[in-house]
Full PDB file with SEQRES, HELIX, SHEET, SSBOND, CRYST1, ORIGX, SCALE, CONECT and MASTER records, all heavy atoms in Angstrom:
SEQRES   1 A   42  SER ILE SER THR ARG LYS SER LYS SER THR ASP ILE VAL          
SEQRES   2 A   42  ILE ASP ILE LYS LYS LEU SER ILE ASP ASP ILE LEU THR          
SEQRES   3 A   42  LYS LEU GLY GLU LEU GLY TYR THR SER VAL LEU VAL GLU          
SEQRES   4 A   42  GLY GLY SER                                                  
HELIX    1 AA1 ILE A   21  GLU A   30  1                                  10    
SHEET    1 AA1 2 ILE A   2  LYS A   6  0                                        
SHEET    2 AA1 2 ILE A  14  LYS A  18 -1                                        
CRYST1    1.000    1.000    1.000  90.00  90.00  90.00 P 1           1          
ORIGX1      1.000000  0.000000  0.000000        0.00000                         
ORIGX2      0.000000  1.000000  0.000000        0.00000                         
ORIGX3      0.000000  0.000000  1.000000        0.00000                         
SCALE1      1.000000  0.000000  0.000000        0.00000                         
SCALE2      0.000000  1.000000  0.000000        0.00000                         
SCALE3      0.000000  0.000000  1.000000        0.00000                         
ATOM      1  N   SER A   1       0.841  -1.196   0.005  1.00  0.00           N  
ATOM      2  CA  SER A   1      -0.001  -0.005   0.005  1.00  0.00           C  
ATOM      3  C   SER A   1       0.876   1.240  -0.001  1.00  0.00           C  
ATOM      4  O   SER A   1       2.047   1.211   0.374  1.00  0.00           O  
ATOM      5  CB  SER A   1      -0.933   0.013   1.215  1.00  0.00           C  
ATOM      6  OG  SER A   1      -0.183  -0.041   2.407  1.00  0.00           O  
ATOM      7  N   ILE A   2       0.286   2.323  -0.447  1.00  0.00           N  
ATOM      8  CA  ILE A   2       0.987   3.609  -0.535  1.00  0.00           C  
ATOM      9  C   ILE A   2       0.302   4.553   0.437  1.00  0.00           C  
ATOM     10  O   ILE A   2      -0.918   4.747   0.381  1.00  0.00           O  
ATOM     11  CB  ILE A   2       0.925   4.168  -1.954  1.00  0.00           C  
ATOM     12  CG1 ILE A   2       1.502   3.137  -2.943  1.00  0.00           C  
ATOM     13  CG2 ILE A   2       1.674   5.485  -2.057  1.00  0.00           C  
ATOM     14  CD1 ILE A   2       1.131   3.430  -4.383  1.00  0.00           C  
ATOM     15  N   SER A   3       1.069   5.136   1.328  1.00  0.00           N  
ATOM     16  CA  SER A   3       0.482   6.077   2.288  1.00  0.00           C  
ATOM     17  C   SER A   3       0.308   7.433   1.618  1.00  0.00           C  
ATOM     18  O   SER A   3       1.257   8.026   1.129  1.00  0.00           O  
ATOM     19  CB  SER A   3       1.397   6.202   3.499  1.00  0.00           C  
ATOM     20  OG  SER A   3       0.828   7.056   4.455  1.00  0.00           O  
ATOM     21  N   THR A   4      -0.923   7.902   1.571  1.00  0.00           N  
ATOM     22  CA  THR A   4      -1.195   9.211   0.949  1.00  0.00           C  
ATOM     23  C   THR A   4      -1.731  10.172   1.984  1.00  0.00           C  
ATOM     24  O   THR A   4      -2.685   9.867   2.701  1.00  0.00           O  
ATOM     25  CB  THR A   4      -2.229   9.055  -0.193  1.00  0.00           C  
ATOM     26  OG1 THR A   4      -3.413   8.495   0.344  1.00  0.00           O  
ATOM     27  CG2 THR A   4      -1.697   8.165  -1.286  1.00  0.00           C  
ATOM     28  N   ARG A   5      -1.136  11.351   2.055  1.00  0.00           N  
ATOM     29  CA  ARG A   5      -1.533  12.309   3.085  1.00  0.00           C  
ATOM     30  C   ARG A   5      -2.789  13.037   2.658  1.00  0.00           C  
ATOM     31  O   ARG A   5      -2.844  13.637   1.611  1.00  0.00           O  
ATOM     32  CB  ARG A   5      -0.415  13.325   3.288  1.00  0.00           C  
ATOM     33  CG  ARG A   5       0.875  12.619   3.547  1.00  0.00           C  
ATOM     34  CD  ARG A   5       1.562  12.784   4.834  1.00  0.00           C  
ATOM     35  NE  ARG A   5       1.382  13.859   5.665  1.00  0.00           N  
ATOM     36  CZ  ARG A   5       1.517  13.736   6.986  1.00  0.00           C  
ATOM     37  NH1 ARG A   5       1.747  12.569   7.516  1.00  0.00           N  
ATOM     38  NH2 ARG A   5       1.403  14.761   7.769  1.00  0.00           N  
ATOM     39  N   LYS A   6      -3.806  12.920   3.477  1.00  0.00           N  
ATOM     40  CA  LYS A   6      -5.062  13.610   3.215  1.00  0.00           C  
ATOM     41  C   LYS A   6      -5.215  14.751   4.208  1.00  0.00           C  
ATOM     42  O   LYS A   6      -4.871  14.618   5.379  1.00  0.00           O  
ATOM     43  CB  LYS A   6      -6.241  12.650   3.369  1.00  0.00           C  
ATOM     44  CG  LYS A   6      -6.294  11.609   2.271  1.00  0.00           C  
ATOM     45  CD  LYS A   6      -6.793  12.215   1.015  1.00  0.00           C  
ATOM     46  CE  LYS A   6      -6.966  11.168  -0.051  1.00  0.00           C  
ATOM     47  NZ  LYS A   6      -7.330  11.678  -1.339  1.00  0.00           N  
ATOM     48  N   SER A   7      -5.769  15.848   3.790  1.00  0.00           N  
ATOM     49  CA  SER A   7      -5.914  16.905   4.731  1.00  0.00           C  
ATOM     50  C   SER A   7      -7.104  16.636   5.603  1.00  0.00           C  
ATOM     51  O   SER A   7      -7.863  15.751   5.385  1.00  0.00           O  
ATOM     52  CB  SER A   7      -6.073  18.217   4.063  1.00  0.00           C  
ATOM     53  OG  SER A   7      -7.294  18.332   3.534  1.00  0.00           O  
ATOM     54  N   LYS A   8      -7.143  17.345   6.587  1.00  0.00           N  
ATOM     55  CA  LYS A   8      -7.907  17.022   7.757  1.00  0.00           C  
ATOM     56  C   LYS A   8      -9.318  17.579   7.745  1.00  0.00           C  
ATOM     57  O   LYS A   8      -9.528  18.694   7.385  1.00  0.00           O  
ATOM     58  CB  LYS A   8      -7.190  17.606   8.906  1.00  0.00           C  
ATOM     59  CG  LYS A   8      -6.644  18.896   8.412  1.00  0.00           C  
ATOM     60  CD  LYS A   8      -5.573  19.444   9.171  1.00  0.00           C  
ATOM     61  CE  LYS A   8      -5.265  20.760   8.624  1.00  0.00           C  
ATOM     62  NZ  LYS A   8      -4.393  21.552   8.783  1.00  0.00           N  
ATOM     63  N   SER A   9     -10.187  16.766   8.214  1.00  0.00           N  
ATOM     64  CA  SER A   9     -11.497  17.261   8.562  1.00  0.00           C  
ATOM     65  C   SER A   9     -11.452  17.648  10.043  1.00  0.00           C  
ATOM     66  O   SER A   9     -12.264  18.381  10.548  1.00  0.00           O  
ATOM     67  CB  SER A   9     -12.555  16.211   8.325  1.00  0.00           C  
ATOM     68  OG  SER A   9     -12.171  14.996   8.904  1.00  0.00           O  
ATOM     69  N   THR A  10     -10.456  17.122  10.757  1.00  0.00           N  
ATOM     70  CA  THR A  10     -10.203  17.555  12.145  1.00  0.00           C  
ATOM     71  C   THR A  10      -8.819  18.205  12.127  1.00  0.00           C  
ATOM     72  O   THR A  10      -8.253  18.458  11.079  1.00  0.00           O  
ATOM     73  CB  THR A  10     -10.214  16.334  13.094  1.00  0.00           C  
ATOM     74  OG1 THR A  10      -9.106  15.517  12.751  1.00  0.00           O  
ATOM     75  CG2 THR A  10     -11.487  15.566  12.955  1.00  0.00           C  
ATOM     76  N   ASP A  11      -8.263  18.439  13.296  1.00  0.00           N  
ATOM     77  CA  ASP A  11      -6.940  19.027  13.299  1.00  0.00           C  
ATOM     78  C   ASP A  11      -5.850  17.966  13.251  1.00  0.00           C  
ATOM     79  O   ASP A  11      -4.678  18.238  13.486  1.00  0.00           O  
ATOM     80  CB  ASP A  11      -6.751  19.918  14.543  1.00  0.00           C  
ATOM     81  CG  ASP A  11      -7.043  19.170  15.828  1.00  0.00           C  
ATOM     82  OD1 ASP A  11      -7.461  17.988  15.747  1.00  0.00           O  
ATOM     83  OD2 ASP A  11      -6.869  19.765  16.883  1.00  0.00           O  
ATOM     84  N   ILE A  12      -6.229  16.713  12.971  1.00  0.00           N  
ATOM     85  CA  ILE A  12      -5.252  15.632  12.858  1.00  0.00           C  
ATOM     86  C   ILE A  12      -5.137  15.256  11.385  1.00  0.00           C  
ATOM     87  O   ILE A  12      -6.126  15.025  10.707  1.00  0.00           O  
ATOM     88  CB  ILE A  12      -5.706  14.396  13.661  1.00  0.00           C  
ATOM     89  CG1 ILE A  12      -5.873  14.779  15.134  1.00  0.00           C  
ATOM     90  CG2 ILE A  12      -4.736  13.265  13.498  1.00  0.00           C  
ATOM     91  CD1 ILE A  12      -6.473  13.688  15.959  1.00  0.00           C  
ATOM     92  N   VAL A  13      -3.896  15.182  10.895  1.00  0.00           N  
ATOM     93  CA  VAL A  13      -3.678  14.742   9.524  1.00  0.00           C  
ATOM     94  C   VAL A  13      -3.756  13.212   9.482  1.00  0.00           C  
ATOM     95  O   VAL A  13      -3.095  12.527  10.264  1.00  0.00           O  
ATOM     96  CB  VAL A  13      -2.292  15.216   9.025  1.00  0.00           C  
ATOM     97  CG1 VAL A  13      -2.023  14.632   7.635  1.00  0.00           C  
ATOM     98  CG2 VAL A  13      -2.235  16.728   8.971  1.00  0.00           C  
ATOM     99  N   ILE A  14      -4.605  12.712   8.623  1.00  0.00           N  
ATOM    100  CA  ILE A  14      -4.845  11.270   8.579  1.00  0.00           C  
ATOM    101  C   ILE A  14      -4.097  10.657   7.410  1.00  0.00           C  
ATOM    102  O   ILE A  14      -4.100  11.183   6.304  1.00  0.00           O  
ATOM    103  CB  ILE A  14      -6.358  10.986   8.420  1.00  0.00           C  
ATOM    104  CG1 ILE A  14      -7.119  11.646   9.557  1.00  0.00           C  
ATOM    105  CG2 ILE A  14      -6.631   9.499   8.377  1.00  0.00           C  
ATOM    106  CD1 ILE A  14      -8.609  11.651   9.353  1.00  0.00           C  
ATOM    107  N   ASP A  15      -3.438   9.526   7.637  1.00  0.00           N  
ATOM    108  CA  ASP A  15      -2.781   8.789   6.571  1.00  0.00           C  
ATOM    109  C   ASP A  15      -3.755   7.731   6.046  1.00  0.00           C  
ATOM    110  O   ASP A  15      -4.188   6.867   6.812  1.00  0.00           O  
ATOM    111  CB  ASP A  15      -1.512   8.117   7.062  1.00  0.00           C  
ATOM    112  CG  ASP A  15      -0.333   9.065   7.095  1.00  0.00           C  
ATOM    113  OD1 ASP A  15      -0.347  10.064   6.369  1.00  0.00           O  
ATOM    114  OD2 ASP A  15       0.601   8.804   7.857  1.00  0.00           O  
ATOM    115  N   ILE A  16      -4.110   7.828   4.802  1.00  0.00           N  
ATOM    116  CA  ILE A  16      -4.985   6.852   4.171  1.00  0.00           C  
ATOM    117  C   ILE A  16      -4.158   5.864   3.389  1.00  0.00           C  
ATOM    118  O   ILE A  16      -3.294   6.262   2.613  1.00  0.00           O  
ATOM    119  CB  ILE A  16      -5.983   7.544   3.220  1.00  0.00           C  
ATOM    120  CG1 ILE A  16      -6.768   8.600   3.964  1.00  0.00           C  
ATOM    121  CG2 ILE A  16      -6.908   6.527   2.572  1.00  0.00           C  
ATOM    122  CD1 ILE A  16      -7.849   8.107   4.826  1.00  0.00           C  
ATOM    123  N   LYS A  17      -4.397   4.593   3.570  1.00  0.00           N  
ATOM    124  CA  LYS A  17      -3.653   3.571   2.844  1.00  0.00           C  
ATOM    125  C   LYS A  17      -4.325   3.297   1.501  1.00  0.00           C  
ATOM    126  O   LYS A  17      -5.475   2.889   1.437  1.00  0.00           O  
ATOM    127  CB  LYS A  17      -3.587   2.266   3.661  1.00  0.00           C  
ATOM    128  CG  LYS A  17      -2.793   2.375   4.944  1.00  0.00           C  
ATOM    129  CD  LYS A  17      -1.310   2.564   4.663  1.00  0.00           C  
ATOM    130  CE  LYS A  17      -0.497   2.520   5.949  1.00  0.00           C  
ATOM    131  NZ  LYS A  17       0.913   2.733   5.709  1.00  0.00           N  
ATOM    132  N   LYS A  18      -3.593   3.538   0.432  1.00  0.00           N  
ATOM    133  CA  LYS A  18      -4.092   3.235  -0.906  1.00  0.00           C  
ATOM    134  C   LYS A  18      -3.351   2.018  -1.423  1.00  0.00           C  
ATOM    135  O   LYS A  18      -2.113   1.968  -1.416  1.00  0.00           O  
ATOM    136  CB  LYS A  18      -3.863   4.429  -1.852  1.00  0.00           C  
ATOM    137  CG  LYS A  18      -4.769   5.605  -1.575  1.00  0.00           C  
ATOM    138  CD  LYS A  18      -4.627   6.670  -2.634  1.00  0.00           C  
ATOM    139  CE  LYS A  18      -5.240   6.255  -3.942  1.00  0.00           C  
ATOM    140  NZ  LYS A  18      -5.245   7.354  -4.942  1.00  0.00           N  
ATOM    141  N   LEU A  19      -4.094   1.040  -1.852  1.00  0.00           N  
ATOM    142  CA  LEU A  19      -3.482  -0.170  -2.371  1.00  0.00           C  
ATOM    143  C   LEU A  19      -2.810   0.105  -3.697  1.00  0.00           C  
ATOM    144  O   LEU A  19      -3.270   0.920  -4.496  1.00  0.00           O  
ATOM    145  CB  LEU A  19      -4.555  -1.260  -2.540  1.00  0.00           C  
ATOM    146  CG  LEU A  19      -5.315  -1.643  -1.267  1.00  0.00           C  
ATOM    147  CD1 LEU A  19      -6.399  -2.667  -1.609  1.00  0.00           C  
ATOM    148  CD2 LEU A  19      -4.380  -2.213  -0.217  1.00  0.00           C  
ATOM    149  N   SER A  20      -1.704  -0.575  -3.945  1.00  0.00           N  
ATOM    150  CA  SER A  20      -0.944  -0.382  -5.187  1.00  0.00           C  
ATOM    151  C   SER A  20      -1.701  -1.013  -6.358  1.00  0.00           C  
ATOM    152  O   SER A  20      -1.865  -2.242  -6.414  1.00  0.00           O  
ATOM    153  CB  SER A  20       0.432  -1.012  -5.058  1.00  0.00           C  
ATOM    154  OG  SER A  20       1.061  -1.064  -6.324  1.00  0.00           O  
ATOM    155  N   ILE A  21      -2.180  -0.177  -7.278  1.00  0.00           N  
ATOM    156  CA  ILE A  21      -2.915  -0.673  -8.441  1.00  0.00           C  
ATOM    157  C   ILE A  21      -2.010  -1.536  -9.321  1.00  0.00           C  
ATOM    158  O   ILE A  21      -2.436  -2.560  -9.840  1.00  0.00           O  
ATOM    159  CB  ILE A  21      -3.497   0.501  -9.253  1.00  0.00           C  
ATOM    160  CG1 ILE A  21      -4.439   1.331  -8.373  1.00  0.00           C  
ATOM    161  CG2 ILE A  21      -4.238  -0.020 -10.481  1.00  0.00           C  
ATOM    162  CD1 ILE A  21      -5.617   0.578  -7.788  1.00  0.00           C  
ATOM    163  N   ASP A  22      -0.761  -1.134  -9.473  1.00  0.00           N  
ATOM    164  CA  ASP A  22       0.191  -1.920 -10.279  1.00  0.00           C  
ATOM    165  C   ASP A  22       0.329  -3.340  -9.723  1.00  0.00           C  
ATOM    166  O   ASP A  22       0.293  -4.322 -10.477  1.00  0.00           O  
ATOM    167  CB  ASP A  22       1.561  -1.249 -10.309  1.00  0.00           C  
ATOM    168  CG  ASP A  22       1.645  -0.134 -11.326  1.00  0.00           C  
ATOM    169  OD1 ASP A  22       0.945  -0.212 -12.354  1.00  0.00           O  
ATOM    170  OD2 ASP A  22       2.403   0.820 -11.113  1.00  0.00           O  
ATOM    171  N   ASP A  23       0.483  -3.450  -8.413  1.00  0.00           N  
ATOM    172  CA  ASP A  23       0.641  -4.769  -7.782  1.00  0.00           C  
ATOM    173  C   ASP A  23      -0.622  -5.613  -7.966  1.00  0.00           C  
ATOM    174  O   ASP A  23      -0.546  -6.833  -8.209  1.00  0.00           O  
ATOM    175  CB  ASP A  23       0.945  -4.612  -6.300  1.00  0.00           C  
ATOM    176  CG  ASP A  23       2.369  -4.130  -6.040  1.00  0.00           C  
ATOM    177  OD1 ASP A  23       3.145  -4.057  -7.006  1.00  0.00           O  
ATOM    178  OD2 ASP A  23       2.685  -3.824  -4.872  1.00  0.00           O  
ATOM    179  N   ILE A  24      -1.778  -4.979  -7.860  1.00  0.00           N  
ATOM    180  CA  ILE A  24      -3.032  -5.700  -8.000  1.00  0.00           C  
ATOM    181  C   ILE A  24      -3.189  -6.235  -9.428  1.00  0.00           C  
ATOM    182  O   ILE A  24      -3.548  -7.400  -9.639  1.00  0.00           O  
ATOM    183  CB  ILE A  24      -4.216  -4.795  -7.619  1.00  0.00           C  
ATOM    184  CG1 ILE A  24      -4.217  -4.548  -6.104  1.00  0.00           C  
ATOM    185  CG2 ILE A  24      -5.559  -5.418  -8.050  1.00  0.00           C  
ATOM    186  CD1 ILE A  24      -5.137  -3.452  -5.656  1.00  0.00           C  
ATOM    187  N   LEU A  25      -2.904  -5.404 -10.413  1.00  0.00           N  
ATOM    188  CA  LEU A  25      -3.033  -5.837 -11.804  1.00  0.00           C  
ATOM    189  C   LEU A  25      -2.013  -6.922 -12.148  1.00  0.00           C  
ATOM    190  O   LEU A  25      -2.322  -7.860 -12.902  1.00  0.00           O  
ATOM    191  CB  LEU A  25      -2.885  -4.643 -12.736  1.00  0.00           C  
ATOM    192  CG  LEU A  25      -4.023  -3.615 -12.695  1.00  0.00           C  
ATOM    193  CD1 LEU A  25      -3.731  -2.445 -13.620  1.00  0.00           C  
ATOM    194  CD2 LEU A  25      -5.365  -4.262 -13.059  1.00  0.00           C  
ATOM    195  N   THR A  26      -0.819  -6.820 -11.595  1.00  0.00           N  
ATOM    196  CA  THR A  26       0.188  -7.863 -11.806  1.00  0.00           C  
ATOM    197  C   THR A  26      -0.300  -9.190 -11.237  1.00  0.00           C  
ATOM    198  O   THR A  26      -0.194 -10.251 -11.887  1.00  0.00           O  
ATOM    199  CB  THR A  26       1.524  -7.472 -11.156  1.00  0.00           C  
ATOM    200  OG1 THR A  26       2.020  -6.291 -11.790  1.00  0.00           O  
ATOM    201  CG2 THR A  26       2.547  -8.588 -11.305  1.00  0.00           C  
ATOM    202  N   LYS A  27      -0.854  -9.164 -10.037  1.00  0.00           N  
ATOM    203  CA  LYS A  27      -1.378 -10.371  -9.411  1.00  0.00           C  
ATOM    204  C   LYS A  27      -2.534 -10.958 -10.224  1.00  0.00           C  
ATOM    205  O   LYS A  27      -2.608 -12.174 -10.426  1.00  0.00           O  
ATOM    206  CB  LYS A  27      -1.834 -10.065  -7.987  1.00  0.00           C  
ATOM    207  CG  LYS A  27      -2.413 -11.258  -7.236  1.00  0.00           C  
ATOM    208  CD  LYS A  27      -1.401 -12.367  -7.062  1.00  0.00           C  
ATOM    209  CE  LYS A  27      -1.957 -13.526  -6.243  1.00  0.00           C  
ATOM    210  NZ  LYS A  27      -0.984 -14.642  -6.110  1.00  0.00           N  
ATOM    211  N   LEU A  28      -3.434 -10.096 -10.703  1.00  0.00           N  
ATOM    212  CA  LEU A  28      -4.567 -10.578 -11.489  1.00  0.00           C  
ATOM    213  C   LEU A  28      -4.099 -11.206 -12.796  1.00  0.00           C  
ATOM    214  O   LEU A  28      -4.648 -12.203 -13.259  1.00  0.00           O  
ATOM    215  CB  LEU A  28      -5.544  -9.437 -11.768  1.00  0.00           C  
ATOM    216  CG  LEU A  28      -6.304  -8.900 -10.544  1.00  0.00           C  
ATOM    217  CD1 LEU A  28      -7.110  -7.660 -10.914  1.00  0.00           C  
ATOM    218  CD2 LEU A  28      -7.219  -9.982  -9.964  1.00  0.00           C  
ATOM    219  N   GLY A  29      -3.056 -10.639 -13.398  1.00  0.00           N  
ATOM    220  CA  GLY A  29      -2.478 -11.233 -14.588  1.00  0.00           C  
ATOM    221  C   GLY A  29      -1.907 -12.605 -14.307  1.00  0.00           C  
ATOM    222  O   GLY A  29      -2.075 -13.553 -15.094  1.00  0.00           O  
ATOM    223  N   GLU A  30      -1.232 -12.745 -13.174  1.00  0.00           N  
ATOM    224  CA  GLU A  30      -0.682 -14.040 -12.781  1.00  0.00           C  
ATOM    225  C   GLU A  30      -1.777 -15.075 -12.568  1.00  0.00           C  
ATOM    226  O   GLU A  30      -1.571 -16.272 -12.799  1.00  0.00           O  
ATOM    227  CB  GLU A  30       0.138 -13.885 -11.502  1.00  0.00           C  
ATOM    228  CG  GLU A  30       1.429 -13.085 -11.672  1.00  0.00           C  
ATOM    229  CD  GLU A  30       2.105 -12.761 -10.374  1.00  0.00           C  
ATOM    230  OE1 GLU A  30       1.516 -13.056  -9.308  1.00  0.00           O  
ATOM    231  OE2 GLU A  30       3.218 -12.204 -10.403  1.00  0.00           O  
ATOM    232  N   LEU A  31      -2.944 -14.629 -12.170  1.00  0.00           N  
ATOM    233  CA  LEU A  31      -4.077 -15.517 -11.953  1.00  0.00           C  
ATOM    234  C   LEU A  31      -4.825 -15.853 -13.261  1.00  0.00           C  
ATOM    235  O   LEU A  31      -5.761 -16.646 -13.250  1.00  0.00           O  
ATOM    236  CB  LEU A  31      -5.052 -14.894 -10.954  1.00  0.00           C  
ATOM    237  CG  LEU A  31      -4.551 -14.766  -9.515  1.00  0.00           C  
ATOM    238  CD1 LEU A  31      -5.526 -13.946  -8.679  1.00  0.00           C  
ATOM    239  CD2 LEU A  31      -4.345 -16.147  -8.891  1.00  0.00           C  
ATOM    240  N   GLY A  32      -4.400 -15.226 -14.379  1.00  0.00           N  
ATOM    241  CA  GLY A  32      -4.989 -15.536 -15.665  1.00  0.00           C  
ATOM    242  C   GLY A  32      -6.153 -14.655 -16.075  1.00  0.00           C  
ATOM    243  O   GLY A  32      -6.857 -14.965 -17.045  1.00  0.00           O  
ATOM    244  N   TYR A  33      -6.351 -13.541 -15.385  1.00  0.00           N  
ATOM    245  CA  TYR A  33      -7.415 -12.613 -15.772  1.00  0.00           C  
ATOM    246  C   TYR A  33      -6.927 -11.758 -16.939  1.00  0.00           C  
ATOM    247  O   TYR A  33      -5.906 -11.072 -16.846  1.00  0.00           O  
ATOM    248  CB  TYR A  33      -7.803 -11.710 -14.600  1.00  0.00           C  
ATOM    249  CG  TYR A  33      -8.589 -12.427 -13.524  1.00  0.00           C  
ATOM    250  CD1 TYR A  33      -7.959 -12.910 -12.373  1.00  0.00           C  
ATOM    251  CD2 TYR A  33      -9.955 -12.659 -13.676  1.00  0.00           C  
ATOM    252  CE1 TYR A  33      -8.672 -13.582 -11.397  1.00  0.00           C  
ATOM    253  CE2 TYR A  33     -10.675 -13.334 -12.701  1.00  0.00           C  
ATOM    254  CZ  TYR A  33     -10.034 -13.795 -11.569  1.00  0.00           C  
ATOM    255  OH  TYR A  33     -10.739 -14.470 -10.621  1.00  0.00           O  
ATOM    256  N   THR A  34      -7.654 -11.795 -18.035  1.00  0.00           N  
ATOM    257  CA  THR A  34      -7.285 -11.008 -19.216  1.00  0.00           C  
ATOM    258  C   THR A  34      -7.988  -9.657 -19.272  1.00  0.00           C  
ATOM    259  O   THR A  34      -7.596  -8.782 -20.025  1.00  0.00           O  
ATOM    260  CB  THR A  34      -7.595 -11.771 -20.519  1.00  0.00           C  
ATOM    261  OG1 THR A  34      -9.009 -11.917 -20.661  1.00  0.00           O  
ATOM    262  CG2 THR A  34      -6.944 -13.145 -20.520  1.00  0.00           C  
ATOM    263  N   SER A  35      -9.057  -9.488 -18.482  1.00  0.00           N  
ATOM    264  CA  SER A  35      -9.796  -8.223 -18.526  1.00  0.00           C  
ATOM    265  C   SER A  35     -10.459  -7.943 -17.184  1.00  0.00           C  
ATOM    266  O   SER A  35     -10.904  -8.853 -16.493  1.00  0.00           O  
ATOM    267  CB  SER A  35     -10.856  -8.245 -19.630  1.00  0.00           C  
ATOM    268  OG  SER A  35     -11.802  -9.295 -19.387  1.00  0.00           O  
ATOM    269  N   VAL A  36     -10.503  -6.660 -16.836  1.00  0.00           N  
ATOM    270  CA  VAL A  36     -11.151  -6.211 -15.603  1.00  0.00           C  
ATOM    271  C   VAL A  36     -11.991  -4.983 -15.928  1.00  0.00           C  
ATOM    272  O   VAL A  36     -11.531  -4.051 -16.579  1.00  0.00           O  
ATOM    273  CB  VAL A  36     -10.105  -5.865 -14.517  1.00  0.00           C  
ATOM    274  CG1 VAL A  36     -10.779  -5.217 -13.326  1.00  0.00           C  
ATOM    275  CG2 VAL A  36      -9.336  -7.092 -14.085  1.00  0.00           C  
ATOM    276  N   LEU A  37     -13.217  -4.995 -15.458  1.00  0.00           N  
ATOM    277  CA  LEU A  37     -14.134  -3.864 -15.598  1.00  0.00           C  
ATOM    278  C   LEU A  37     -14.162  -3.127 -14.271  1.00  0.00           C  
ATOM    279  O   LEU A  37     -14.607  -3.654 -13.259  1.00  0.00           O  
ATOM    280  CB  LEU A  37     -15.534  -4.365 -15.957  1.00  0.00           C  
ATOM    281  CG  LEU A  37     -16.629  -3.295 -16.063  1.00  0.00           C  
ATOM    282  CD1 LEU A  37     -16.348  -2.340 -17.224  1.00  0.00           C  
ATOM    283  CD2 LEU A  37     -18.005  -3.948 -16.220  1.00  0.00           C  
ATOM    284  N   VAL A  38     -13.683  -1.887 -14.265  1.00  0.00           N  
ATOM    285  CA  VAL A  38     -13.659  -1.073 -13.059  1.00  0.00           C  
ATOM    286  C   VAL A  38     -14.974  -0.322 -12.952  1.00  0.00           C  
ATOM    287  O   VAL A  38     -15.285   0.537 -13.767  1.00  0.00           O  
ATOM    288  CB  VAL A  38     -12.480  -0.087 -13.064  1.00  0.00           C  
ATOM    289  CG1 VAL A  38     -12.516   0.804 -11.818  1.00  0.00           C  
ATOM    290  CG2 VAL A  38     -11.158  -0.849 -13.133  1.00  0.00           C  
ATOM    291  N   GLU A  39     -15.763  -0.666 -11.933  1.00  0.00           N  
ATOM    292  CA  GLU A  39     -17.061  -0.016 -11.716  1.00  0.00           C  
ATOM    293  C   GLU A  39     -17.095   0.737 -10.407  1.00  0.00           C  
ATOM    294  O   GLU A  39     -18.160   1.058  -9.901  1.00  0.00           O  
ATOM    295  CB  GLU A  39     -18.179  -1.068 -11.738  1.00  0.00           C  
ATOM    296  CG  GLU A  39     -18.659  -1.474 -13.106  1.00  0.00           C  
ATOM    297  CD  GLU A  39     -20.054  -2.076 -13.083  1.00  0.00           C  
ATOM    298  OE1 GLU A  39     -20.764  -1.940 -12.067  1.00  0.00           O  
ATOM    299  OE2 GLU A  39     -20.447  -2.710 -14.077  1.00  0.00           O  
ATOM    300  N   GLY A  40     -15.933   0.953  -9.860  1.00  0.00           N  
ATOM    301  CA  GLY A  40     -15.881   1.580  -8.552  1.00  0.00           C  
ATOM    302  C   GLY A  40     -16.393   3.003  -8.543  1.00  0.00           C  
ATOM    303  O   GLY A  40     -16.712   3.572  -9.582  1.00  0.00           O  
ATOM    304  N   GLY A  41     -16.416   3.601  -7.375  1.00  0.00           N  
ATOM    305  CA  GLY A  41     -16.837   4.981  -7.256  1.00  0.00           C  
ATOM    306  C   GLY A  41     -15.741   5.946  -7.652  1.00  0.00           C  
ATOM    307  O   GLY A  41     -14.735   5.589  -8.268  1.00  0.00           O  
ATOM    308  N   SER A  42     -15.909   7.190  -7.249  1.00  0.00           N  
ATOM    309  CA  SER A  42     -15.018   8.284  -7.631  1.00  0.00           C  
ATOM    310  C   SER A  42     -13.570   8.033  -7.226  1.00  0.00           C  
ATOM    311  O   SER A  42     -12.634   8.261  -7.995  1.00  0.00           O  
ATOM    312  CB  SER A  42     -15.532   9.567  -6.981  1.00  0.00           C  
ATOM    313  OG  SER A  42     -14.730  10.662  -7.305  1.00  0.00           O  
TER     314      SER A  42                                                      
MASTER        0    0    0    1    2    0    0    6  313    1    0    4          
END                                                                             
């Protein structure tokens, strides 16, 4: 995961963990997936 600094809704800066898209696609390729439809949100 990649730690991305998000600004605060409180006075504390929160670190949000974003999963590595490259690593995920590499793993899916290793599993034999030839296509992925991304239907996620924003």
